[in-house]
Amino acid sequence: MCCFIIFPSVTYAQRGEDSLAHNGVISHVVRTPSEIGAGVCSYALRVGDRHCKRALEVLKSARLPYTKAVLFDSTYHEASL
């Protein structure tokens, strides 16, 4: 299971990846899966589900805007963290 954190641009996704790395959270910038329906040019951070809540806390404290967080475990579910 993993978490996709959707960003409005690749730049914010890259900044988010750096911020998470500095806080010990491993993430990877990926194109947003089309099943999520976040737009053609959307980018996301893929984070392990155990680290999703911590990742969102770090991004909020860094004031990095993200659109939504989606959990994937064979189907996609918007995260309510």
N, C-alpha and C. Protein backbone atom coordinates (compact mmCIF):
# COMPACT_ATOMS: atom_id res chain seq x y z
N MET A 1 0.85 -1.17 0.00
CA MET A 1 0.00 0.00 0.00
C MET A 1 0.90 1.24 0.00
N CYS A 2 0.45 2.29 -0.69
CA CYS A 2 1.20 3.53 -0.72
C CYS A 2 0.26 4.72 -0.75
N CYS A 3 0.84 5.88 -0.63
CA CYS A 3 0.08 7.13 -0.61
C CYS A 3 0.62 8.01 -1.73
N PHE A 4 -0.27 8.63 -2.49
CA PHE A 4 0.12 9.61 -3.50
C PHE A 4 -0.32 10.98 -2.99
N ILE A 5 0.62 11.91 -2.89
CA ILE A 5 0.31 13.28 -2.49
C ILE A 5 0.41 14.11 -3.76
N ILE A 6 -0.72 14.67 -4.18
CA ILE A 6 -0.83 15.35 -5.47
C ILE A 6 -0.47 16.83 -5.31
N PHE A 7 0.34 17.34 -6.25
CA PHE A 7 0.80 18.73 -6.23
C PHE A 7 0.33 19.48 -7.47
N PRO A 8 0.21 20.82 -7.36
CA PRO A 8 -0.23 21.61 -8.51
C PRO A 8 0.84 21.77 -9.60
N SER A 9 2.11 21.44 -9.28
CA SER A 9 3.17 21.54 -10.29
C SER A 9 4.32 20.60 -9.94
N VAL A 10 5.15 20.33 -10.92
CA VAL A 10 6.32 19.47 -10.69
C VAL A 10 7.29 20.17 -9.74
N THR A 11 7.36 21.50 -9.80
CA THR A 11 8.26 22.25 -8.92
C THR A 11 7.90 22.04 -7.46
N TYR A 12 6.61 22.12 -7.14
CA TYR A 12 6.19 21.89 -5.75
C TYR A 12 6.43 20.44 -5.34
N ALA A 13 6.25 19.52 -6.26
CA ALA A 13 6.51 18.11 -5.95
C ALA A 13 7.99 17.90 -5.63
N GLN A 14 8.87 18.53 -6.41
CA GLN A 14 10.31 18.41 -6.17
C GLN A 14 10.71 19.06 -4.84
N ARG A 15 10.13 20.21 -4.55
CA ARG A 15 10.40 20.86 -3.26
C ARG A 15 9.90 20.00 -2.11
N GLY A 16 8.74 19.38 -2.32
CA GLY A 16 8.20 18.49 -1.30
C GLY A 16 9.10 17.30 -1.06
N GLU A 17 9.62 16.72 -2.14
CA GLU A 17 10.53 15.58 -2.01
C GLU A 17 11.77 15.97 -1.20
N ASP A 18 12.32 17.15 -1.49
CA ASP A 18 13.49 17.63 -0.74
C ASP A 18 13.17 17.85 0.73
N SER A 19 12.04 18.48 0.99
CA SER A 19 11.63 18.74 2.37
C SER A 19 11.43 17.44 3.15
N LEU A 20 10.79 16.47 2.52
CA LEU A 20 10.58 15.19 3.18
C LEU A 20 11.91 14.48 3.43
N ALA A 21 12.82 14.53 2.47
CA ALA A 21 14.13 13.89 2.63
C ALA A 21 14.88 14.48 3.82
N HIS A 22 14.81 15.80 3.98
CA HIS A 22 15.48 16.46 5.11
C HIS A 22 14.86 16.07 6.44
N ASN A 23 13.64 15.54 6.40
CA ASN A 23 12.95 15.12 7.61
C ASN A 23 12.87 13.60 7.73
N GLY A 24 13.67 12.90 6.93
CA GLY A 24 13.77 11.45 7.05
C GLY A 24 12.64 10.64 6.44
N VAL A 25 11.85 11.26 5.56
CA VAL A 25 10.74 10.55 4.90
C VAL A 25 11.12 10.31 3.44
N ILE A 26 11.16 9.06 3.04
CA ILE A 26 11.51 8.70 1.66
C ILE A 26 10.29 8.87 0.77
N SER A 27 10.49 9.56 -0.36
CA SER A 27 9.41 9.76 -1.32
C SER A 27 10.01 9.80 -2.72
N HIS A 28 9.14 9.68 -3.73
CA HIS A 28 9.58 9.71 -5.12
C HIS A 28 8.58 10.54 -5.92
N VAL A 29 9.10 11.45 -6.76
CA VAL A 29 8.23 12.23 -7.66
C VAL A 29 7.81 11.32 -8.80
N VAL A 30 6.50 11.26 -9.05
CA VAL A 30 5.94 10.45 -10.14
C VAL A 30 4.84 11.24 -10.83
N ARG A 31 4.53 10.85 -12.07
CA ARG A 31 3.34 11.41 -12.72
C ARG A 31 2.14 10.87 -11.96
N THR A 32 1.15 11.71 -11.75
CA THR A 32 -0.04 11.28 -11.04
C THR A 32 -0.76 10.20 -11.85
N PRO A 33 -1.08 9.07 -11.24
CA PRO A 33 -1.81 8.02 -11.97
C PRO A 33 -3.11 8.56 -12.56
N SER A 34 -3.40 8.19 -13.79
CA SER A 34 -4.60 8.71 -14.48
C SER A 34 -5.89 8.33 -13.76
N GLU A 35 -5.88 7.22 -13.02
CA GLU A 35 -7.08 6.79 -12.29
C GLU A 35 -7.50 7.78 -11.21
N ILE A 36 -6.56 8.58 -10.74
CA ILE A 36 -6.87 9.56 -9.71
C ILE A 36 -7.59 10.76 -10.32
N GLY A 37 -7.33 11.02 -11.61
CA GLY A 37 -8.03 12.08 -12.30
C GLY A 37 -7.65 13.47 -11.85
N ALA A 38 -6.36 13.69 -11.62
CA ALA A 38 -5.91 14.99 -11.13
C ALA A 38 -5.43 15.91 -12.24
N GLY A 39 -5.59 15.53 -13.48
CA GLY A 39 -5.18 16.37 -14.60
C GLY A 39 -4.03 15.75 -15.37
N VAL A 40 -3.86 16.21 -16.59
CA VAL A 40 -2.89 15.63 -17.51
C VAL A 40 -1.45 15.86 -17.05
N CYS A 41 -1.14 17.05 -16.57
CA CYS A 41 0.24 17.40 -16.20
C CYS A 41 0.48 17.36 -14.70
N SER A 42 -0.26 16.58 -14.00
CA SER A 42 -0.17 16.55 -12.55
C SER A 42 0.97 15.64 -12.09
N TYR A 43 1.61 16.06 -11.01
CA TYR A 43 2.68 15.27 -10.41
C TYR A 43 2.36 14.98 -8.96
N ALA A 44 2.94 13.90 -8.47
CA ALA A 44 2.66 13.47 -7.10
C ALA A 44 3.94 12.96 -6.45
N LEU A 45 3.89 12.88 -5.13
CA LEU A 45 4.92 12.18 -4.39
C LEU A 45 4.34 10.84 -3.98
N ARG A 46 5.08 9.78 -4.24
CA ARG A 46 4.67 8.45 -3.78
C ARG A 46 5.42 8.18 -2.47
N VAL A 47 4.64 7.92 -1.42
CA VAL A 47 5.18 7.71 -0.08
C VAL A 47 4.60 6.41 0.44
N GLY A 48 5.38 5.67 1.21
CA GLY A 48 4.85 4.47 1.86
C GLY A 48 3.71 4.84 2.79
N ASP A 49 2.68 4.00 2.85
CA ASP A 49 1.48 4.32 3.63
C ASP A 49 1.79 4.57 5.10
N ARG A 50 2.81 3.94 5.64
CA ARG A 50 3.16 4.15 7.06
C ARG A 50 3.67 5.56 7.30
N HIS A 51 4.15 6.23 6.24
CA HIS A 51 4.74 7.55 6.38
C HIS A 51 3.85 8.67 5.85
N CYS A 52 2.67 8.35 5.40
CA CYS A 52 1.80 9.34 4.77
C CYS A 52 1.42 10.46 5.73
N LYS A 53 1.00 10.12 6.92
CA LYS A 53 0.59 11.14 7.88
C LYS A 53 1.76 12.07 8.22
N ARG A 54 2.92 11.49 8.47
CA ARG A 54 4.12 12.29 8.78
C ARG A 54 4.48 13.18 7.59
N ALA A 55 4.40 12.65 6.38
CA ALA A 55 4.71 13.42 5.18
C ALA A 55 3.80 14.63 5.06
N LEU A 56 2.51 14.45 5.30
CA LEU A 56 1.57 15.57 5.22
C LEU A 56 1.87 16.61 6.28
N GLU A 57 2.25 16.18 7.47
CA GLU A 57 2.62 17.12 8.54
C GLU A 57 3.83 17.96 8.14
N VAL A 58 4.84 17.31 7.56
CA VAL A 58 6.05 18.01 7.13
C VAL A 58 5.71 19.01 6.03
N LEU A 59 4.91 18.60 5.05
CA LEU A 59 4.55 19.49 3.95
C LEU A 59 3.75 20.69 4.43
N LYS A 60 2.85 20.47 5.38
CA LYS A 60 2.07 21.58 5.93
C LYS A 60 2.98 22.56 6.67
N SER A 61 3.89 22.04 7.48
CA SER A 61 4.78 22.93 8.24
C SER A 61 5.73 23.69 7.31
N ALA A 62 6.07 23.09 6.16
CA ALA A 62 6.93 23.75 5.17
C ALA A 62 6.12 24.68 4.25
N ARG A 63 4.81 24.69 4.44
CA ARG A 63 3.90 25.51 3.62
C ARG A 63 4.01 25.21 2.13
N LEU A 64 4.11 23.92 1.83
CA LEU A 64 4.12 23.47 0.44
C LEU A 64 2.71 23.01 0.08
N PRO A 65 2.08 23.68 -0.90
CA PRO A 65 0.69 23.34 -1.23
C PRO A 65 0.57 22.03 -2.00
N TYR A 66 -0.34 21.20 -1.54
CA TYR A 66 -0.68 19.99 -2.27
C TYR A 66 -2.18 19.97 -2.45
N THR A 67 -2.64 19.26 -3.47
CA THR A 67 -4.06 19.24 -3.82
C THR A 67 -4.84 18.26 -2.96
N LYS A 68 -4.31 17.03 -2.85
CA LYS A 68 -4.96 16.00 -2.04
C LYS A 68 -4.00 14.84 -1.84
N ALA A 69 -4.37 13.96 -0.93
CA ALA A 69 -3.61 12.73 -0.69
C ALA A 69 -4.53 11.56 -0.98
N VAL A 70 -4.00 10.56 -1.68
CA VAL A 70 -4.79 9.40 -2.08
C VAL A 70 -4.05 8.13 -1.69
N LEU A 71 -4.73 7.24 -0.99
CA LEU A 71 -4.16 5.94 -0.62
C LEU A 71 -4.44 4.93 -1.72
N PHE A 72 -3.48 4.05 -1.97
CA PHE A 72 -3.66 3.00 -2.98
C PHE A 72 -3.39 1.64 -2.35
N ASP A 73 -4.39 0.76 -2.41
CA ASP A 73 -4.24 -0.63 -1.96
C ASP A 73 -5.05 -1.52 -2.89
N SER A 74 -4.72 -1.48 -4.16
CA SER A 74 -5.38 -2.12 -5.29
C SER A 74 -6.53 -1.27 -5.83
N THR A 75 -7.03 -0.32 -5.05
CA THR A 75 -7.95 0.72 -5.52
C THR A 75 -7.51 2.03 -4.86
N TYR A 76 -7.98 3.14 -5.41
CA TYR A 76 -7.61 4.45 -4.90
C TYR A 76 -8.69 4.97 -3.96
N HIS A 77 -8.26 5.53 -2.82
CA HIS A 77 -9.17 6.11 -1.84
C HIS A 77 -8.57 7.43 -1.37
N GLU A 78 -9.37 8.50 -1.40
CA GLU A 78 -8.85 9.76 -0.89
C GLU A 78 -8.56 9.61 0.60
N ALA A 79 -7.39 10.05 1.00
CA ALA A 79 -6.96 9.91 2.39
C ALA A 79 -7.66 10.93 3.27
N SER A 80 -8.12 10.49 4.41
CA SER A 80 -8.72 11.40 5.39
C SER A 80 -7.83 11.40 6.63
N LEU A 81 -6.71 12.09 6.50
CA LEU A 81 -5.71 12.10 7.58
C LEU A 81 -5.76 13.38 8.36
